[in-house]
């Protein structure tokens, strides 16, 4: 994959992640089960985590252990780890699996080339 194509894909992945994160932040008062219901059209319950696939990214909704909860209103978090896919006709090809800070660094690095 050439640099410009990779840059476009990474920028789209960042936008897709930001849309999911924005939805998550708008509903911060939701419980883990309410988030699972909200993201159901885009997600799959894997037991210990809920996988959200939207656009070219896959991110994880992670529940907190009950004993670790304090007075937080939300009992889960959105992972900062992202799996990026290239969508090709009838299937998705995994291109990268990285943290949000690394994604931003790769975008900045590719933008400067």
Foldseek 3Di string as FASTA:
>chain_A
DDLVVVLVQLVVQLVFVVVVVVVCVVPQLDEPVVVCVVQVVQWDDPPQWIWGDDDFKIWIKGFADPVPDDPGSYRIDIAQWIWGWDDDDPDTDTDDIGGVVVSVVSSVVSVVD
